[in-house]
Amino acid sequence: MDRLKLVAFDVDDLAVVSAHVQDAVLKVKDMTFLPKEKRFAAVVNRFVWEKPAEGTFKKTWERRRSGFHFDRVLACRSAGIDRTDPEAVLDLLAIAFEASNEPAGTITLIFAGGAAIALDVECIEAAISDFGPAWATTCCPKHEVDVQTA
């Protein structure tokens, strides 16, 4: 499959990027905020949701090394992340946007375990790109569905 390459300039675009990075894993050391460049960047091992599992008896999926960045970032805050442990592994669940003074707002990277990174941005300007070869994995992320009943 061809390498993924996406850009996001609005909430709908960002939702597509979010879907493609769901269950990506990364180490704390693989992300950075560059205030002079107004950029937040990270390198992740992305689960390839867009490609179906292969195999009859033993299913395999793919992961790919990907880089993504957000531009026009004014500030970066984190919660629930031990930045003194560069080897700590984070599981990215979703990317959300909350407008404040459109087109400005806050992009939030939501991680498993309640951790989060909030990026105050002038506007949505993001990109993701796969690089390097894919590798097989026999582990497919699963999520419990929280269904509210009346």
Protein backbone atom coordinates (compact mmCIF):
# COMPACT_ATOMS: atom_id res chain seq x y z
CA MET A 1 0.00 0.00 0.00
CA ASP A 2 1.21 3.50 -0.73
CA ARG A 3 2.47 5.66 2.09
CA LEU A 4 -0.08 7.90 3.74
CA LYS A 5 0.31 11.64 3.31
CA LEU A 6 -2.40 13.99 4.65
CA VAL A 7 -2.82 17.66 5.49
CA ALA A 8 -5.44 19.31 7.67
CA PHE A 9 -6.71 22.89 7.49
CA ASP A 10 -10.10 22.56 9.18
CA VAL A 11 -11.99 20.46 11.73
CA ASP A 12 -13.14 17.91 9.13
CA ASP A 13 -9.58 17.42 7.86
CA LEU A 14 -8.34 17.07 11.43
CA ALA A 15 -10.92 14.33 12.09
CA VAL A 16 -9.46 12.34 9.16
CA VAL A 17 -5.93 12.76 10.53
CA SER A 18 -7.18 11.72 13.98
CA ALA A 19 -8.71 8.53 12.57
CA HIS A 20 -5.40 7.62 10.93
CA VAL A 21 -3.31 8.14 14.07
CA GLN A 22 -5.71 6.38 16.44
CA ASP A 23 -3.69 3.84 18.43
CA ALA A 24 -0.35 5.19 17.28
CA VAL A 25 2.34 4.65 19.89
CA LEU A 26 5.29 6.89 20.60
CA LYS A 27 7.90 7.59 23.23
CA VAL A 28 8.02 10.88 25.11
CA LYS A 29 11.41 11.58 23.49
CA ASP A 30 9.84 11.33 20.01
CA MET A 31 7.86 14.56 20.29
CA THR A 32 8.93 18.17 20.59
CA PHE A 33 7.62 21.72 20.69
CA LEU A 34 9.67 24.25 18.73
CA PRO A 35 8.38 27.65 19.92
CA LYS A 36 10.53 29.76 17.56
CA GLU A 37 9.13 27.82 14.57
CA LYS A 38 5.63 27.67 16.13
CA ARG A 39 5.65 23.93 15.52
CA PHE A 40 4.85 20.77 17.46
CA ALA A 41 6.19 17.57 15.89
CA ALA A 42 6.16 13.88 16.71
CA VAL A 43 7.25 10.58 15.23
CA VAL A 44 4.91 7.66 15.88
CA ASN A 45 4.40 4.00 15.08
CA ARG A 46 1.02 4.28 13.38
CA PHE A 47 -1.45 1.39 13.27
CA VAL A 48 -2.58 1.07 9.63
CA TRP A 49 -6.35 1.06 10.09
CA GLU A 50 -7.00 1.59 6.38
CA LYS A 51 -5.54 -1.80 5.41
CA PRO A 52 -7.50 -4.97 6.31
CA ALA A 53 -5.91 -7.83 8.23
CA GLU A 54 -4.17 -10.55 6.26
CA GLY A 55 -4.03 -14.27 6.91
CA THR A 56 -6.54 -17.03 7.51
CA PHE A 57 -5.43 -18.71 10.73
CA LYS A 58 -3.18 -16.05 12.19
CA LYS A 59 -4.25 -12.52 11.32
CA THR A 60 -1.63 -9.85 10.81
CA TRP A 61 -1.98 -6.10 10.53
CA GLU A 62 0.55 -3.38 9.79
CA ARG A 63 2.25 -0.55 11.59
CA ARG A 64 4.20 2.23 9.89
CA ARG A 65 6.63 4.87 11.09
CA SER A 66 5.00 8.26 10.56
CA GLY A 67 5.78 11.85 11.31
CA PHE A 68 3.19 14.48 12.02
CA HIS A 69 3.33 18.13 12.90
CA PHE A 70 1.16 21.08 13.77
CA ASP A 71 2.17 24.56 12.63
CA ARG A 72 1.16 28.00 13.94
CA VAL A 73 1.37 26.71 17.52
CA LEU A 74 1.51 29.49 20.10
CA ALA A 75 1.76 27.38 23.27
CA CYS A 76 2.05 23.75 24.35
CA ARG A 77 0.87 22.25 27.64
CA SER A 78 0.79 18.67 28.85
CA ALA A 79 -0.94 16.74 31.62
CA GLY A 80 -0.30 13.21 32.81
CA ILE A 81 3.00 12.88 30.92
CA ASP A 82 6.28 12.40 32.77
CA ARG A 83 8.62 14.40 30.58
CA THR A 84 11.58 13.30 32.74
CA ASP A 85 11.10 9.74 31.41
CA PRO A 86 11.99 9.94 27.69
CA GLU A 87 11.42 6.20 27.20
CA ALA A 88 7.82 6.28 28.48
CA VAL A 89 5.42 4.97 25.83
CA LEU A 90 2.21 6.83 25.03
CA ASP A 91 -0.82 5.48 23.14
CA LEU A 92 -2.51 8.19 21.07
CA LEU A 93 -6.27 7.78 21.01
CA ALA A 94 -7.54 10.89 19.23
CA ILE A 95 -6.94 14.48 18.18
CA ALA A 96 -9.62 17.04 19.00
CA PHE A 97 -10.11 20.76 18.32
CA GLU A 98 -11.96 23.37 20.33
CA ALA A 99 -12.33 26.80 18.76
CA SER A 100 -11.74 29.87 20.92
CA ASN A 101 -11.59 32.85 18.57
CA GLU A 102 -11.95 31.22 15.15
CA PRO A 103 -9.88 30.20 13.37
CA ALA A 104 -7.79 30.02 16.57
CA GLY A 105 -8.34 27.39 19.21
CA THR A 106 -6.83 24.45 21.05
CA ILE A 107 -5.82 21.16 19.48
CA THR A 108 -5.70 18.37 22.06
CA LEU A 109 -3.81 15.13 21.63
CA ILE A 110 -5.63 12.60 23.82
CA PHE A 111 -3.65 9.63 25.11
CA ALA A 112 -4.66 6.45 26.94
CA GLY A 113 -4.57 6.72 30.71
CA GLY A 114 -5.81 10.31 30.78
CA ALA A 115 -2.66 11.99 29.47
CA ALA A 116 -3.04 14.90 27.04
CA ILE A 117 -1.15 17.60 25.17
CA ALA A 118 -2.91 20.89 24.45
CA LEU A 119 -1.68 23.06 21.60
CA ASP A 120 -2.94 26.64 21.38
CA VAL A 121 -2.98 27.40 17.66
CA GLU A 122 -3.64 30.40 15.44
CA CYS A 123 -5.51 28.03 13.13
CA ILE A 124 -5.52 24.37 12.13
CA GLU A 125 -2.48 23.59 10.02
CA ALA A 126 -1.27 20.00 10.30
CA ALA A 127 0.31 17.24 8.25
CA ILE A 128 1.10 13.56 8.61
CA SER A 129 3.35 11.48 6.40
CA ASP A 130 4.47 7.84 6.49
CA PHE A 131 8.14 7.06 5.98
CA GLY A 132 10.10 3.85 5.93
CA PRO A 133 8.74 0.35 5.40
CA ALA A 134 5.71 -1.17 7.12
CA TRP A 135 6.03 -4.10 9.48
CA ALA A 136 3.58 -6.82 10.47
CA THR A 137 1.93 -7.05 13.87
CA THR A 138 -0.36 -9.74 15.24
CA CYS A 139 -1.85 -7.35 17.79
CA CYS A 140 -4.88 -5.28 16.81
CA PRO A 141 -5.91 -2.52 19.23
CA LYS A 142 -9.32 -3.01 20.80
CA HIS A 143 -11.50 -0.46 22.57
CA GLU A 144 -14.31 -1.01 24.96
CA VAL A 145 -17.43 0.83 23.88
CA ASP A 146 -18.94 2.91 26.65
CA VAL A 147 -22.65 2.69 25.95
CA GLN A 148 -24.94 4.83 28.09
CA THR A 149 -28.28 3.19 28.73
CA ALA A 150 -31.40 5.05 29.80
